Amino acid sequence: MRRSLAWGGPLAAEEFVITNSCTEALNLCLRAVTRPGDTVAVESPAYYLMLQLLETLGLKALEIPCDPRTGMSVEALELATRNGGVAACLLVANGSNPLGSVMPDERKRRLAALMAARGIPVIEDDIYGDLHFGDERPWPVKAFDDSGNVMLCASFSKCLSPSLRIGFIAAGRHKPAVALQKTITSGGTNPLTQMVLAEYLESGAVDRHLHSLRRTYRRQVEGMQAAVSRYFPASTRIAQPQAGYVLWVELPEGIDTTQLHGRALRERLSYVPGELFSASGMYRNCLRLNCGNPHTPEIDDAIRRLGRIFGGGESAAKEGRA
């Protein structure tokens, strides 16, 4: 709650539900406001775990195009929801995975107002909000929510430690339905871990840690961008992330990253094929790279070898904006 003061809060303690992870938070929110067969508006490209979650719950994904800098198109969302039929909107407004985009405040305000007016609950994953590259933390869509329609989900796994397994939902007017789903699916969340985390947050050390972590991730993303630009094929387009630690790469048309994935694995090289970020199988010439580790000579060499698989070579690629 105290941290929400930085973006116009505070959030009310009464609307919080503590969860075992951000994934559980998203799961609970979807269960609370949808039923099997419903349609959920999602970003395109969208984090593949979100798409798997929708599939597991028997939900249909309606892909809304995203700008690589500003995120989900509010204009396309307005058109897609004009005639009803959409049960919820699921998005990552700050540091979307895989684009790393951050939606401008005005677009967040418009999205919150549009969904409230049409009675469509918003499920916002803000797990990367604290990993922004700018001078100030970007506000979530929740900051522009006047009616309790936005369910803000996050956890401490990406910014502190995955082992904590502590997430949360600021569920707004959907709190009773979300709390019921929490009760019947997993019960309570470890109170001892919550107490340890609370002590750390109270100490003030988290802000120093986050400041250092953001600089580190930005440096590692920039190192990966430079390597991709150097080794991948000419006309490769490289996203310019504004948060997080992943990099979206668009290769020239005709290069199938799904088809080449097996070859890369045989050479002990790893990436996520772009097709997994679409419910309809788009982005086959795209891939996502993880920049969560220091950009060592070994990683640079791995990108060089991966570039060769894609038909590139040193100095062959030109950095662009996806």
Protein backbone atom coordinates (compact mmCIF):
# COMPACT_ATOMS: atom_id res chain seq x y z
CA MET A 1 0.00 0.00 0.00
CA ARG A 2 2.74 2.45 1.00
CA ARG A 3 4.57 1.87 -2.30
CA SER A 4 1.43 2.75 -4.23
CA LEU A 5 1.69 6.32 -2.91
CA ALA A 6 4.33 6.90 -5.59
CA TRP A 7 1.67 6.62 -8.27
CA GLY A 8 -1.28 8.35 -6.71
CA GLY A 9 -2.49 5.66 -4.29
CA PRO A 10 -2.66 4.42 -1.72
CA LEU A 11 -4.49 1.21 -2.48
CA ALA A 12 -6.91 0.10 0.20
CA ALA A 13 -5.79 -2.83 2.36
CA GLU A 14 -9.28 -4.30 2.07
CA GLU A 15 -8.91 -5.00 -1.65
CA PHE A 16 -5.73 -7.10 -1.38
CA VAL A 17 -5.53 -10.87 -1.78
CA ILE A 18 -2.11 -12.46 -1.12
CA THR A 19 -1.20 -15.24 -3.53
CA ASN A 20 1.54 -17.81 -4.08
CA SER A 21 2.76 -16.12 -7.28
CA CYS A 22 1.72 -13.70 -9.99
CA THR A 23 0.63 -16.67 -12.09
CA GLU A 24 -1.76 -17.73 -9.36
CA ALA A 25 -2.99 -14.14 -9.12
CA LEU A 26 -3.84 -14.09 -12.84
CA ASN A 27 -5.47 -17.51 -12.55
CA LEU A 28 -7.67 -16.41 -9.65
CA CYS A 29 -8.76 -13.22 -11.43
CA LEU A 30 -9.68 -15.09 -14.60
CA ARG A 31 -11.64 -17.67 -12.62
CA ALA A 32 -13.46 -14.89 -10.77
CA VAL A 33 -14.75 -13.00 -13.82
CA THR A 34 -14.95 -15.56 -16.68
CA ARG A 35 -16.48 -18.92 -17.49
CA PRO A 36 -15.27 -21.62 -19.91
CA GLY A 37 -16.04 -20.55 -23.46
CA ASP A 38 -15.67 -16.82 -22.74
CA THR A 39 -13.41 -14.58 -24.81
CA VAL A 40 -10.57 -12.58 -23.24
CA ALA A 41 -8.83 -9.68 -25.01
CA VAL A 42 -5.04 -10.09 -24.82
CA GLU A 43 -1.97 -8.35 -26.19
CA SER A 44 -0.40 -9.55 -29.41
CA PRO A 45 2.30 -10.70 -29.03
CA ALA A 46 1.40 -11.98 -25.56
CA TYR A 47 3.38 -13.89 -22.95
CA TYR A 48 2.92 -17.55 -23.80
CA LEU A 49 2.15 -18.55 -20.20
CA MET A 50 -0.88 -16.25 -20.30
CA LEU A 51 -2.08 -17.96 -23.47
CA GLN A 52 -1.55 -21.37 -21.88
CA LEU A 53 -3.50 -20.22 -18.84
CA LEU A 54 -6.44 -19.15 -21.01
CA GLU A 55 -6.37 -22.48 -22.83
CA THR A 56 -6.30 -24.43 -19.56
CA LEU A 57 -9.37 -22.54 -18.34
CA GLY A 58 -11.25 -23.12 -21.58
CA LEU A 59 -11.11 -19.47 -22.59
CA LYS A 60 -10.64 -17.96 -26.05
CA ALA A 61 -7.95 -15.37 -26.75
CA LEU A 62 -8.84 -12.30 -28.81
CA GLU A 63 -5.52 -10.86 -29.96
CA ILE A 64 -5.26 -7.07 -29.85
CA PRO A 65 -2.26 -5.64 -31.77
CA CYS A 66 0.48 -3.89 -29.81
CA ASP A 67 2.87 -1.11 -30.68
CA PRO A 68 6.42 -2.10 -29.64
CA ARG A 69 6.80 1.17 -27.72
CA THR A 70 3.31 2.03 -26.43
CA GLY A 71 1.74 -1.39 -25.95
CA MET A 72 -1.83 -2.51 -26.61
CA SER A 73 -3.75 -0.44 -29.17
CA VAL A 74 -6.64 1.19 -27.33
CA GLU A 75 -8.21 1.98 -30.71
CA ALA A 76 -8.20 -1.70 -31.71
CA LEU A 77 -9.52 -2.67 -28.28
CA GLU A 78 -12.37 -0.18 -28.67
CA LEU A 79 -13.36 -1.73 -32.00
CA ALA A 80 -13.01 -5.30 -30.72
CA THR A 81 -15.28 -4.70 -27.71
CA ARG A 82 -17.86 -2.48 -29.42
CA ASN A 83 -20.44 -5.22 -29.87
CA GLY A 84 -19.87 -7.12 -26.63
CA GLY A 85 -18.68 -10.69 -26.41
CA VAL A 86 -15.48 -9.96 -24.44
CA ALA A 87 -15.51 -11.08 -20.83
CA ALA A 88 -12.22 -9.55 -19.67
CA CYS A 89 -9.08 -7.74 -20.79
CA LEU A 90 -5.71 -9.19 -19.78
CA LEU A 91 -2.58 -7.10 -20.33
CA VAL A 92 0.90 -6.08 -19.16
CA ALA A 93 0.95 -2.29 -19.48
CA ASN A 94 4.43 -1.84 -17.96
CA GLY A 95 7.25 -3.89 -19.46
CA SER A 96 5.16 -6.22 -21.58
CA ASN A 97 6.61 -9.64 -22.21
CA PRO A 98 8.01 -10.00 -24.90
CA LEU A 99 8.12 -6.42 -26.27
CA GLY A 100 9.21 -4.58 -23.13
CA SER A 101 6.82 -1.74 -24.02
CA VAL A 102 5.38 0.75 -21.52
CA MET A 103 1.94 2.19 -22.25
CA PRO A 104 1.79 6.00 -21.92
CA ASP A 105 -0.39 7.37 -19.11
CA GLU A 106 -2.98 8.84 -21.46
CA ARG A 107 -3.51 5.45 -23.10
CA LYS A 108 -3.81 3.81 -19.69
CA ARG A 109 -6.42 6.37 -18.68
CA ARG A 110 -8.40 5.78 -21.89
CA LEU A 111 -8.22 2.02 -21.50
CA ALA A 112 -9.40 2.10 -17.89
CA ALA A 113 -12.32 4.39 -18.76
CA LEU A 114 -13.29 2.37 -21.85
CA MET A 115 -13.35 -0.96 -20.04
CA ALA A 116 -15.26 0.49 -17.07
CA ALA A 117 -17.87 2.02 -19.37
CA ARG A 118 -18.37 -1.30 -21.13
CA GLY A 119 -18.37 -3.38 -17.95
CA ILE A 120 -15.32 -5.42 -18.95
CA PRO A 121 -12.99 -6.28 -16.04
CA VAL A 122 -9.30 -5.51 -16.55
CA ILE A 123 -6.67 -7.95 -15.26
CA GLU A 124 -3.33 -6.14 -15.16
CA ASP A 125 -0.03 -7.96 -14.71
CA ASP A 126 2.43 -5.39 -13.29
CA ILE A 127 5.24 -7.79 -12.42
CA TYR A 128 7.79 -5.79 -14.43
CA GLY A 129 6.71 -2.31 -13.31
CA ASP A 130 9.56 -2.02 -10.81
CA LEU A 131 12.09 -3.01 -13.50
CA HIS A 132 11.58 0.10 -15.64
CA PHE A 133 14.49 1.82 -17.37
CA GLY A 134 13.17 5.37 -17.01
CA ASP A 135 13.71 7.94 -14.27
CA GLU A 136 10.36 7.29 -12.59
CA ARG A 137 8.30 4.17 -12.03
CA PRO A 138 5.50 4.02 -14.63
CA TRP A 139 2.01 4.10 -13.23
CA PRO A 140 -0.15 1.00 -13.73
CA VAL A 141 -3.59 1.11 -15.34
CA LYS A 142 -4.89 0.59 -11.80
CA ALA A 143 -3.82 4.16 -10.97
CA PHE A 144 -6.50 5.43 -13.38
CA ASP A 145 -9.25 3.12 -12.11
CA ASP A 146 -12.13 5.09 -10.59
CA SER A 147 -14.59 2.22 -10.24
CA GLY A 148 -12.65 -0.77 -8.87
CA ASN A 149 -12.80 -2.45 -12.26
CA VAL A 150 -9.03 -3.11 -12.56
CA MET A 151 -7.44 -6.09 -10.80
CA LEU A 152 -3.74 -5.36 -10.31
CA CYS A 153 -1.57 -8.49 -10.12
CA ALA A 154 2.14 -8.71 -9.29
CA SER A 155 4.71 -10.57 -7.23
CA PHE A 156 8.24 -10.21 -5.90
CA SER A 157 9.70 -13.07 -7.93
CA LYS A 158 11.22 -10.93 -10.69
CA CYS A 159 12.62 -8.13 -8.51
CA LEU A 160 13.62 -9.95 -5.30
CA SER A 161 13.60 -13.76 -5.48
CA PRO A 162 11.51 -16.44 -7.23
CA SER A 163 11.83 -18.54 -4.05
CA LEU A 164 9.63 -16.14 -2.09
CA ARG A 165 6.50 -17.31 -3.91
CA ILE A 166 4.61 -14.23 -2.75
CA GLY A 167 2.26 -12.41 -5.09
CA PHE A 168 -0.77 -10.22 -4.63
CA ILE A 169 -3.93 -8.88 -6.20
CA ALA A 170 -5.43 -5.45 -5.61
CA ALA A 171 -8.82 -6.72 -6.72
CA GLY A 172 -11.06 -3.67 -6.36
CA ARG A 173 -14.77 -4.46 -6.52
CA HIS A 174 -13.93 -8.02 -7.55
CA LYS A 175 -12.31 -8.80 -4.18
CA PRO A 176 -15.11 -11.09 -2.88
CA ALA A 177 -15.09 -13.24 -6.03
CA VAL A 178 -11.29 -13.40 -6.13
CA ALA A 179 -11.03 -14.23 -2.42
CA LEU A 180 -13.52 -17.06 -2.88
CA GLN A 181 -11.43 -18.52 -5.70
CA LYS A 182 -8.31 -18.29 -3.53
CA THR A 183 -10.06 -20.13 -0.69
CA ILE A 184 -11.29 -23.03 -2.81
CA THR A 185 -8.14 -23.48 -4.93
CA SER A 186 -5.10 -23.07 -2.67
CA GLY A 187 -6.15 -21.69 0.71
CA GLY A 188 -3.73 -19.40 2.51
CA THR A 189 -0.24 -18.21 1.54
CA ASN A 190 2.72 -18.96 3.82
CA PRO A 191 2.51 -16.40 6.67
CA LEU A 192 6.16 -16.81 7.70
CA THR A 193 7.38 -15.86 4.23
CA GLN A 194 5.01 -12.90 4.26
CA MET A 195 6.49 -11.71 7.57
CA VAL A 196 10.07 -11.97 6.25
CA LEU A 197 9.13 -10.03 3.13
CA ALA A 198 7.32 -7.38 5.18
CA GLU A 199 10.43 -6.87 7.35
CA TYR A 200 12.59 -6.40 4.25
CA LEU A 201 10.17 -3.94 2.67
CA GLU A 202 10.02 -1.94 5.90
CA SER A 203 13.82 -1.72 6.04
CA GLY A 204 14.04 0.49 2.96
CA ALA A 205 16.74 -1.70 1.41
CA VAL A 206 14.43 -2.71 -1.43
CA ASP A 207 14.70 0.68 -3.14
CA ARG A 208 18.50 0.50 -3.24
CA HIS A 209 18.30 -3.04 -4.56
CA LEU A 210 15.82 -2.11 -7.30
CA HIS A 211 17.91 0.85 -8.39
CA SER A 212 20.92 -1.42 -8.90
CA LEU A 213 18.86 -4.17 -10.52
CA ARG A 214 17.31 -1.80 -13.07
CA ARG A 215 20.75 -0.54 -14.14
CA THR A 216 22.02 -4.10 -14.43
CA TYR A 217 19.12 -5.30 -16.57
CA ARG A 218 19.29 -2.27 -18.82
CA ARG A 219 23.00 -2.86 -19.39
CA GLN A 220 22.39 -6.54 -20.16
CA VAL A 221 19.56 -5.76 -22.57
CA GLU A 222 21.78 -3.25 -24.36
CA GLY A 223 24.55 -5.84 -24.59
CA MET A 224 22.17 -8.34 -26.16
CA GLN A 225 20.85 -5.73 -28.59
CA ALA A 226 24.39 -4.98 -29.74
CA ALA A 227 25.20 -8.67 -30.22
CA VAL A 228 22.02 -9.33 -32.21
CA SER A 229 22.73 -6.28 -34.36
CA ARG A 230 26.24 -7.57 -35.01
CA TYR A 231 25.52 -11.22 -35.75
CA PHE A 232 21.95 -11.60 -37.03
CA PRO A 233 20.88 -11.23 -40.70
CA ALA A 234 20.61 -7.84 -42.36
CA SER A 235 17.17 -6.18 -41.96
CA THR A 236 16.66 -7.87 -38.59
CA ARG A 237 14.51 -5.60 -36.40
CA ILE A 238 15.27 -5.32 -32.70
CA ALA A 239 12.82 -4.08 -30.06
CA GLN A 240 13.79 -1.22 -27.75
CA PRO A 241 12.53 -2.42 -24.34
CA GLN A 242 11.62 0.13 -21.69
CA ALA A 243 11.48 -2.36 -18.83
CA GLY A 244 12.27 -5.95 -17.93
CA TYR A 245 15.00 -8.25 -19.18
CA VAL A 246 13.76 -9.85 -22.41
CA LEU A 247 14.39 -8.86 -26.01
CA TRP A 248 12.00 -9.34 -28.96
CA VAL A 249 13.68 -9.86 -32.32
CA GLU A 250 12.00 -9.87 -35.75
CA LEU A 251 13.98 -11.69 -38.43
CA PRO A 252 13.51 -11.25 -42.18
CA GLU A 253 10.42 -12.90 -43.68
CA GLY A 254 10.97 -16.52 -44.60
CA ILE A 255 13.07 -17.43 -41.55
CA ASP A 256 11.04 -19.83 -39.39
CA THR A 257 12.23 -19.74 -35.78
CA THR A 258 9.97 -22.64 -34.84
CA GLN A 259 11.44 -24.84 -37.53
CA LEU A 260 15.01 -23.88 -36.57
CA HIS A 261 14.47 -24.29 -32.84
CA GLY A 262 15.44 -27.97 -32.82
CA ARG A 263 18.72 -27.23 -34.58
CA ALA A 264 19.50 -24.51 -32.05
CA LEU A 265 18.82 -26.86 -29.14
CA ARG A 266 21.13 -29.48 -30.64
CA GLU A 267 23.84 -26.82 -30.55
CA ARG A 268 22.89 -26.03 -26.94
CA LEU A 269 21.42 -22.66 -27.83
CA SER A 270 18.12 -21.51 -26.35
CA TYR A 271 15.43 -19.02 -27.35
CA VAL A 272 11.65 -18.89 -27.41
CA PRO A 273 10.11 -19.07 -30.91
CA GLY A 274 7.80 -16.16 -31.69
CA GLU A 275 4.90 -18.44 -32.63
CA LEU A 276 4.38 -19.25 -28.94
CA PHE A 277 3.42 -15.63 -28.27
CA SER A 278 0.34 -15.83 -30.49
CA ALA A 279 -2.85 -17.86 -30.09
CA SER A 280 -3.20 -17.93 -33.88
CA GLY A 281 0.38 -18.90 -34.76
CA MET A 282 1.71 -15.52 -35.88
CA TYR A 283 5.31 -14.28 -35.47
CA ARG A 284 7.03 -17.37 -36.91
CA ASN A 285 9.93 -15.15 -38.01
CA CYS A 286 10.33 -13.73 -34.49
CA LEU A 287 11.96 -14.88 -31.27
CA ARG A 288 12.44 -13.80 -27.68
CA LEU A 289 15.83 -13.76 -25.98
CA ASN A 290 16.39 -13.70 -22.23
CA CYS A 291 18.80 -11.02 -20.97
CA GLY A 292 18.59 -11.98 -17.30
CA ASN A 293 22.23 -13.08 -17.12
CA PRO A 294 25.36 -10.92 -17.48
CA HIS A 295 26.41 -10.50 -21.11
CA THR A 296 29.60 -12.55 -20.95
CA PRO A 297 31.88 -13.55 -23.85
CA GLU A 298 30.21 -16.96 -23.72
CA ILE A 299 26.77 -15.43 -24.27
CA ASP A 300 28.13 -13.21 -27.02
CA ASP A 301 29.51 -16.30 -28.75
CA ALA A 302 26.16 -18.06 -28.34
CA ILE A 303 24.43 -15.16 -30.12
CA ARG A 304 27.06 -15.34 -32.86
CA ARG A 305 26.35 -19.04 -33.39
CA LEU A 306 22.61 -18.45 -33.26
CA GLY A 307 23.00 -15.74 -35.90
CA ARG A 308 24.72 -18.27 -38.16
CA ILE A 309 21.73 -20.61 -37.83
CA PHE A 310 19.50 -17.75 -38.97
CA GLY A 311 21.76 -16.99 -41.91
CA GLY A 312 23.59 -14.01 -40.48
CA GLY A 313 27.18 -13.15 -39.73
CA GLU A 314 29.29 -10.50 -38.06
CA SER A 315 28.39 -6.98 -39.25
CA ALA A 316 25.50 -8.42 -41.33
CA ALA A 317 22.61 -7.08 -39.27
CA LYS A 318 21.37 -3.55 -38.99
CA GLU A 319 19.74 -2.51 -35.76
CA GLY A 320 16.16 -1.34 -36.17
CA ARG A 321 13.02 -0.85 -34.19
CA ALA A 322 10.53 -3.70 -34.20
